[in-house]
Amino acid sequence: GVPVNSRVSSKIQQLLNTLKRPKRPPLKEFFVDDFEELLEVQQPDPNQPKPEGNQMNVLKGEPLGVVTNWPPSLLAALQRWGTTQPKAPCLTALDTTGKATYTLTYGR
């Protein structure tokens, strides 16, 4: 026997419908099963340009002389250089024009 305001009722119903919806979309929407496509051997594009020039080979150079006081690894060499030469630049980033933009220095 109590009169119901349909406007309030519709707002409450809309809120309930909003709360019932899942917060994240199901995983199916993000997952694409392309396993069958991966099994197929892709044919090269006939319009793709062909490589030019001679094939390059790796050359073996002369072995470096063994020095007893060399650090055993690159990390150890950087550690030694950083402690003996503090504030020396160790890495420089260049922009597209070749100018130095950032310089990373060693620190103690």
N, C-alpha and C. Protein backbone atom coordinates (compact mmCIF):
# COMPACT_ATOMS: atom_id res chain seq x y z
N GLY A 1 0.78 -1.18 0.00
CA GLY A 1 0.00 0.00 0.00
C GLY A 1 0.83 1.25 0.00
N VAL A 2 2.16 1.17 -0.02
CA VAL A 2 2.98 2.38 0.01
C VAL A 2 3.28 2.78 -1.44
N PRO A 3 3.05 4.04 -1.80
CA PRO A 3 3.34 4.45 -3.18
C PRO A 3 4.85 4.40 -3.45
N VAL A 4 5.21 3.89 -4.63
CA VAL A 4 6.62 3.75 -5.00
C VAL A 4 6.93 4.75 -6.10
N ASN A 5 8.00 5.51 -5.90
CA ASN A 5 8.42 6.47 -6.91
C ASN A 5 9.20 5.70 -7.97
N SER A 6 8.70 5.65 -9.20
CA SER A 6 9.33 4.84 -10.25
C SER A 6 10.69 5.40 -10.65
N ARG A 7 10.90 6.68 -10.48
CA ARG A 7 12.18 7.30 -10.85
C ARG A 7 13.29 6.80 -9.93
N VAL A 8 13.07 6.78 -8.64
CA VAL A 8 14.05 6.26 -7.69
C VAL A 8 14.26 4.79 -7.92
N SER A 9 13.21 4.08 -8.19
CA SER A 9 13.29 2.65 -8.41
C SER A 9 14.15 2.34 -9.64
N SER A 10 14.01 3.10 -10.70
CA SER A 10 14.80 2.84 -11.91
C SER A 10 16.27 3.15 -11.67
N LYS A 11 16.57 4.17 -10.87
CA LYS A 11 17.97 4.49 -10.55
C LYS A 11 18.60 3.38 -9.72
N ILE A 12 17.84 2.85 -8.77
CA ILE A 12 18.36 1.76 -7.95
C ILE A 12 18.58 0.53 -8.82
N GLN A 13 17.65 0.28 -9.74
CA GLN A 13 17.78 -0.87 -10.63
C GLN A 13 19.02 -0.71 -11.54
N GLN A 14 19.26 0.49 -12.01
CA GLN A 14 20.42 0.76 -12.85
C GLN A 14 21.71 0.54 -12.06
N LEU A 15 21.72 0.97 -10.80
CA LEU A 15 22.89 0.76 -9.95
C LEU A 15 23.13 -0.73 -9.71
N LEU A 16 22.07 -1.47 -9.45
CA LEU A 16 22.20 -2.92 -9.26
C LEU A 16 22.73 -3.61 -10.52
N ASN A 17 22.24 -3.20 -11.68
CA ASN A 17 22.73 -3.78 -12.93
C ASN A 17 24.21 -3.47 -13.16
N THR A 18 24.61 -2.27 -12.76
CA THR A 18 26.02 -1.89 -12.90
C THR A 18 26.89 -2.74 -11.98
N LEU A 19 26.44 -2.98 -10.78
CA LEU A 19 27.22 -3.76 -9.83
C LEU A 19 27.28 -5.24 -10.21
N LYS A 20 26.28 -5.73 -10.93
CA LYS A 20 26.25 -7.12 -11.33
C LYS A 20 27.21 -7.42 -12.48
N ARG A 21 27.55 -6.40 -13.27
CA ARG A 21 28.44 -6.62 -14.41
C ARG A 21 29.84 -7.00 -13.92
N PRO A 22 30.54 -7.86 -14.66
CA PRO A 22 31.92 -8.19 -14.26
C PRO A 22 32.83 -6.98 -14.42
N LYS A 23 33.77 -6.84 -13.50
CA LYS A 23 34.68 -5.70 -13.54
C LYS A 23 35.72 -5.85 -14.64
N ARG A 24 36.12 -7.06 -14.94
CA ARG A 24 37.10 -7.31 -16.00
C ARG A 24 36.43 -8.12 -17.10
N PRO A 25 36.81 -7.86 -18.34
CA PRO A 25 36.27 -8.69 -19.41
C PRO A 25 36.81 -10.11 -19.30
N PRO A 26 36.07 -11.08 -19.78
CA PRO A 26 36.55 -12.45 -19.71
C PRO A 26 37.85 -12.63 -20.48
N LEU A 27 38.62 -13.61 -20.08
CA LEU A 27 39.93 -13.86 -20.67
C LEU A 27 39.83 -14.21 -22.15
N LYS A 28 38.71 -14.80 -22.57
CA LYS A 28 38.52 -15.19 -23.96
C LYS A 28 38.68 -14.00 -24.90
N GLU A 29 38.29 -12.83 -24.46
CA GLU A 29 38.35 -11.66 -25.33
C GLU A 29 39.79 -11.24 -25.61
N PHE A 30 40.73 -11.56 -24.72
CA PHE A 30 42.11 -11.15 -24.90
C PHE A 30 42.96 -12.25 -25.53
N PHE A 31 42.54 -13.49 -25.42
CA PHE A 31 43.34 -14.61 -25.87
C PHE A 31 42.97 -14.97 -27.30
N VAL A 32 43.97 -15.01 -28.17
CA VAL A 32 43.77 -15.42 -29.55
C VAL A 32 44.58 -16.68 -29.77
N ASP A 33 43.91 -17.75 -30.12
CA ASP A 33 44.59 -19.02 -30.32
C ASP A 33 45.12 -19.09 -31.75
N ASP A 34 46.40 -18.74 -31.92
CA ASP A 34 47.01 -18.78 -33.24
C ASP A 34 48.01 -19.92 -33.37
N PHE A 35 47.82 -20.96 -32.56
CA PHE A 35 48.74 -22.09 -32.58
C PHE A 35 48.73 -22.77 -33.95
N GLU A 36 47.55 -22.89 -34.56
CA GLU A 36 47.46 -23.53 -35.88
C GLU A 36 48.23 -22.72 -36.92
N GLU A 37 48.18 -21.40 -36.81
CA GLU A 37 48.91 -20.56 -37.76
C GLU A 37 50.41 -20.70 -37.58
N LEU A 38 50.86 -20.93 -36.34
CA LEU A 38 52.28 -21.08 -36.09
C LEU A 38 52.82 -22.37 -36.68
N LEU A 39 51.97 -23.39 -36.76
CA LEU A 39 52.40 -24.66 -37.31
C LEU A 39 52.57 -24.61 -38.83
N GLU A 40 51.84 -23.73 -39.48
CA GLU A 40 51.96 -23.60 -40.92
C GLU A 40 53.30 -22.97 -41.28
N VAL A 41 53.92 -23.48 -42.33
CA VAL A 41 55.17 -22.90 -42.81
C VAL A 41 54.83 -21.70 -43.68
N GLN A 42 55.32 -20.56 -43.28
CA GLN A 42 55.01 -19.35 -44.03
C GLN A 42 55.92 -19.27 -45.26
N GLN A 43 55.31 -19.05 -46.40
CA GLN A 43 56.06 -18.93 -47.65
C GLN A 43 56.60 -17.51 -47.75
N PRO A 44 57.85 -17.35 -48.21
CA PRO A 44 58.39 -15.99 -48.34
C PRO A 44 57.64 -15.21 -49.42
N ASP A 45 57.56 -13.93 -49.21
CA ASP A 45 56.88 -13.06 -50.15
C ASP A 45 57.70 -12.98 -51.43
N PRO A 46 57.12 -13.28 -52.59
CA PRO A 46 57.90 -13.23 -53.83
C PRO A 46 58.32 -11.81 -54.20
N ASN A 47 57.64 -10.80 -53.67
CA ASN A 47 57.98 -9.41 -53.97
C ASN A 47 59.06 -8.86 -53.03
N GLN A 48 59.48 -9.67 -52.06
CA GLN A 48 60.48 -9.22 -51.10
C GLN A 48 61.83 -9.05 -51.81
N PRO A 49 62.55 -7.96 -51.53
CA PRO A 49 63.84 -7.75 -52.20
C PRO A 49 64.85 -8.82 -51.79
N LYS A 50 65.70 -9.20 -52.72
CA LYS A 50 66.72 -10.22 -52.48
C LYS A 50 67.98 -9.55 -51.93
N PRO A 51 68.73 -10.25 -51.06
CA PRO A 51 69.97 -9.66 -50.53
C PRO A 51 71.01 -9.50 -51.64
N GLU A 52 71.81 -8.47 -51.50
CA GLU A 52 72.85 -8.18 -52.49
C GLU A 52 74.21 -8.24 -51.83
N GLY A 53 75.25 -8.39 -52.62
CA GLY A 53 76.62 -8.34 -52.12
C GLY A 53 77.12 -9.69 -51.68
N ASN A 54 78.37 -9.70 -51.21
CA ASN A 54 79.02 -10.94 -50.77
C ASN A 54 78.60 -11.28 -49.35
N GLN A 55 78.66 -12.57 -49.06
CA GLN A 55 78.35 -13.02 -47.70
C GLN A 55 79.54 -12.74 -46.81
N MET A 56 79.28 -12.25 -45.60
CA MET A 56 80.36 -11.92 -44.67
C MET A 56 80.66 -13.11 -43.78
N ASN A 57 81.93 -13.30 -43.46
CA ASN A 57 82.36 -14.37 -42.58
C ASN A 57 83.09 -13.79 -41.39
N VAL A 58 83.05 -14.50 -40.28
CA VAL A 58 83.75 -14.07 -39.08
C VAL A 58 85.22 -14.41 -39.23
N LEU A 59 86.08 -13.46 -38.89
CA LEU A 59 87.51 -13.69 -38.95
C LEU A 59 88.05 -13.88 -37.55
N LYS A 60 88.98 -14.79 -37.40
CA LYS A 60 89.63 -14.98 -36.11
C LYS A 60 90.88 -14.12 -36.08
N GLY A 61 91.02 -13.33 -35.04
CA GLY A 61 92.18 -12.49 -34.90
C GLY A 61 93.24 -13.15 -34.04
N GLU A 62 94.27 -12.40 -33.78
CA GLU A 62 95.34 -12.92 -32.93
C GLU A 62 94.86 -12.97 -31.49
N PRO A 63 95.28 -13.96 -30.74
CA PRO A 63 94.88 -14.01 -29.33
C PRO A 63 95.51 -12.87 -28.55
N LEU A 64 94.78 -12.38 -27.59
CA LEU A 64 95.29 -11.30 -26.75
C LEU A 64 96.36 -11.84 -25.82
N GLY A 65 97.31 -11.00 -25.52
CA GLY A 65 98.33 -11.40 -24.57
C GLY A 65 97.74 -11.50 -23.18
N VAL A 66 98.14 -12.49 -22.44
CA VAL A 66 97.61 -12.69 -21.10
C VAL A 66 98.36 -11.80 -20.13
N VAL A 67 97.60 -10.98 -19.44
CA VAL A 67 98.18 -10.09 -18.44
C VAL A 67 97.67 -10.58 -17.09
N THR A 68 98.55 -10.68 -16.12
CA THR A 68 98.16 -11.26 -14.84
C THR A 68 97.26 -10.35 -14.02
N ASN A 69 97.33 -9.04 -14.19
CA ASN A 69 96.53 -8.16 -13.34
C ASN A 69 95.20 -7.76 -13.97
N TRP A 70 94.79 -8.41 -15.07
CA TRP A 70 93.48 -8.12 -15.64
C TRP A 70 92.38 -8.65 -14.73
N PRO A 71 91.27 -7.93 -14.62
CA PRO A 71 90.14 -8.43 -13.83
C PRO A 71 89.55 -9.68 -14.50
N PRO A 72 88.95 -10.55 -13.72
CA PRO A 72 88.42 -11.79 -14.28
C PRO A 72 87.14 -11.62 -15.10
N SER A 73 86.44 -10.48 -14.95
CA SER A 73 85.18 -10.28 -15.68
C SER A 73 85.01 -8.80 -16.00
N LEU A 74 84.04 -8.53 -16.88
CA LEU A 74 83.75 -7.15 -17.24
C LEU A 74 83.25 -6.37 -16.03
N LEU A 75 82.42 -7.01 -15.22
CA LEU A 75 81.90 -6.35 -14.02
C LEU A 75 83.04 -5.98 -13.07
N ALA A 76 83.98 -6.88 -12.90
CA ALA A 76 85.13 -6.58 -12.03
C ALA A 76 85.98 -5.46 -12.61
N ALA A 77 86.11 -5.41 -13.95
CA ALA A 77 86.88 -4.33 -14.58
C ALA A 77 86.19 -2.99 -14.37
N LEU A 78 84.86 -2.96 -14.51
CA LEU A 78 84.12 -1.72 -14.28
C LEU A 78 84.22 -1.29 -12.82
N GLN A 79 84.18 -2.25 -11.92
CA GLN A 79 84.32 -1.95 -10.49
C GLN A 79 85.68 -1.33 -10.20
N ARG A 80 86.73 -1.93 -10.77
CA ARG A 80 88.09 -1.41 -10.53
C ARG A 80 88.26 -0.02 -11.12
N TRP A 81 87.77 0.17 -12.36
CA TRP A 81 87.91 1.47 -13.01
C TRP A 81 87.11 2.53 -12.26
N GLY A 82 85.93 2.17 -11.79
CA GLY A 82 85.10 3.13 -11.07
C GLY A 82 85.70 3.56 -9.75
N THR A 83 86.43 2.67 -9.08
CA THR A 83 87.04 3.06 -7.80
C THR A 83 88.33 3.83 -8.00
N THR A 84 89.03 3.57 -9.11
CA THR A 84 90.28 4.31 -9.34
C THR A 84 90.07 5.62 -10.07
N GLN A 85 88.98 5.73 -10.84
CA GLN A 85 88.71 6.94 -11.61
C GLN A 85 87.31 7.48 -11.29
N PRO A 86 87.05 7.95 -10.07
CA PRO A 86 85.71 8.45 -9.77
C PRO A 86 85.38 9.69 -10.60
N LYS A 87 84.14 9.85 -10.89
CA LYS A 87 83.59 10.96 -11.67
C LYS A 87 84.01 10.92 -13.14
N ALA A 88 84.63 9.84 -13.59
CA ALA A 88 84.98 9.70 -15.01
C ALA A 88 83.74 9.22 -15.76
N PRO A 89 83.52 9.70 -16.98
CA PRO A 89 82.35 9.24 -17.73
C PRO A 89 82.48 7.77 -18.11
N CYS A 90 81.39 7.03 -17.96
CA CYS A 90 81.43 5.61 -18.32
C CYS A 90 80.46 5.29 -19.45
N LEU A 91 79.45 6.14 -19.66
CA LEU A 91 78.48 5.88 -20.72
C LEU A 91 77.91 7.21 -21.17
N THR A 92 77.80 7.39 -22.48
CA THR A 92 77.23 8.61 -23.03
C THR A 92 76.17 8.25 -24.04
N ALA A 93 75.00 8.86 -23.92
CA ALA A 93 73.91 8.65 -24.88
C ALA A 93 73.91 9.80 -25.87
N LEU A 94 73.76 9.46 -27.14
CA LEU A 94 73.76 10.47 -28.19
C LEU A 94 72.36 10.62 -28.77
N ASP A 95 72.03 11.84 -29.22
CA ASP A 95 70.75 12.02 -29.90
C ASP A 95 70.93 11.71 -31.38
N THR A 96 69.91 11.96 -32.18
CA THR A 96 69.95 11.61 -33.60
C THR A 96 70.96 12.41 -34.39
N THR A 97 71.36 13.57 -33.88
CA THR A 97 72.35 14.39 -34.58
C THR A 97 73.77 14.07 -34.16
N GLY A 98 73.93 13.20 -33.16
CA GLY A 98 75.27 12.83 -32.71
C GLY A 98 75.78 13.64 -31.54
N LYS A 99 74.94 14.49 -30.98
CA LYS A 99 75.35 15.28 -29.81
C LYS A 99 75.08 14.50 -28.55
N ALA A 100 75.95 14.65 -27.56
CA ALA A 100 75.80 13.96 -26.29
C ALA A 100 74.62 14.55 -25.51
N THR A 101 73.67 13.70 -25.14
CA THR A 101 72.52 14.18 -24.38
C THR A 101 72.64 13.84 -22.91
N TYR A 102 73.08 12.63 -22.59
CA TYR A 102 73.23 12.19 -21.20
C TYR A 102 74.60 11.54 -21.05
N THR A 103 75.25 11.80 -19.93
CA THR A 103 76.52 11.16 -19.63
C THR A 103 76.42 10.57 -18.23
N LEU A 104 76.65 9.27 -18.16
CA LEU A 104 76.64 8.56 -16.88
C LEU A 104 78.08 8.48 -16.39
N THR A 105 78.30 8.87 -15.13
CA THR A 105 79.65 8.84 -14.57
C THR A 105 79.75 7.80 -13.47
N TYR A 106 80.97 7.38 -13.21
CA TYR A 106 81.22 6.48 -12.11
C TYR A 106 81.08 7.23 -10.81
N GLY A 107 80.78 6.55 -9.77
CA GLY A 107 80.70 7.15 -8.46
C GLY A 107 81.24 6.21 -7.41
N ARG A 108 81.53 6.75 -6.27
CA ARG A 108 82.07 5.89 -5.20
C ARG A 108 80.95 5.30 -4.42
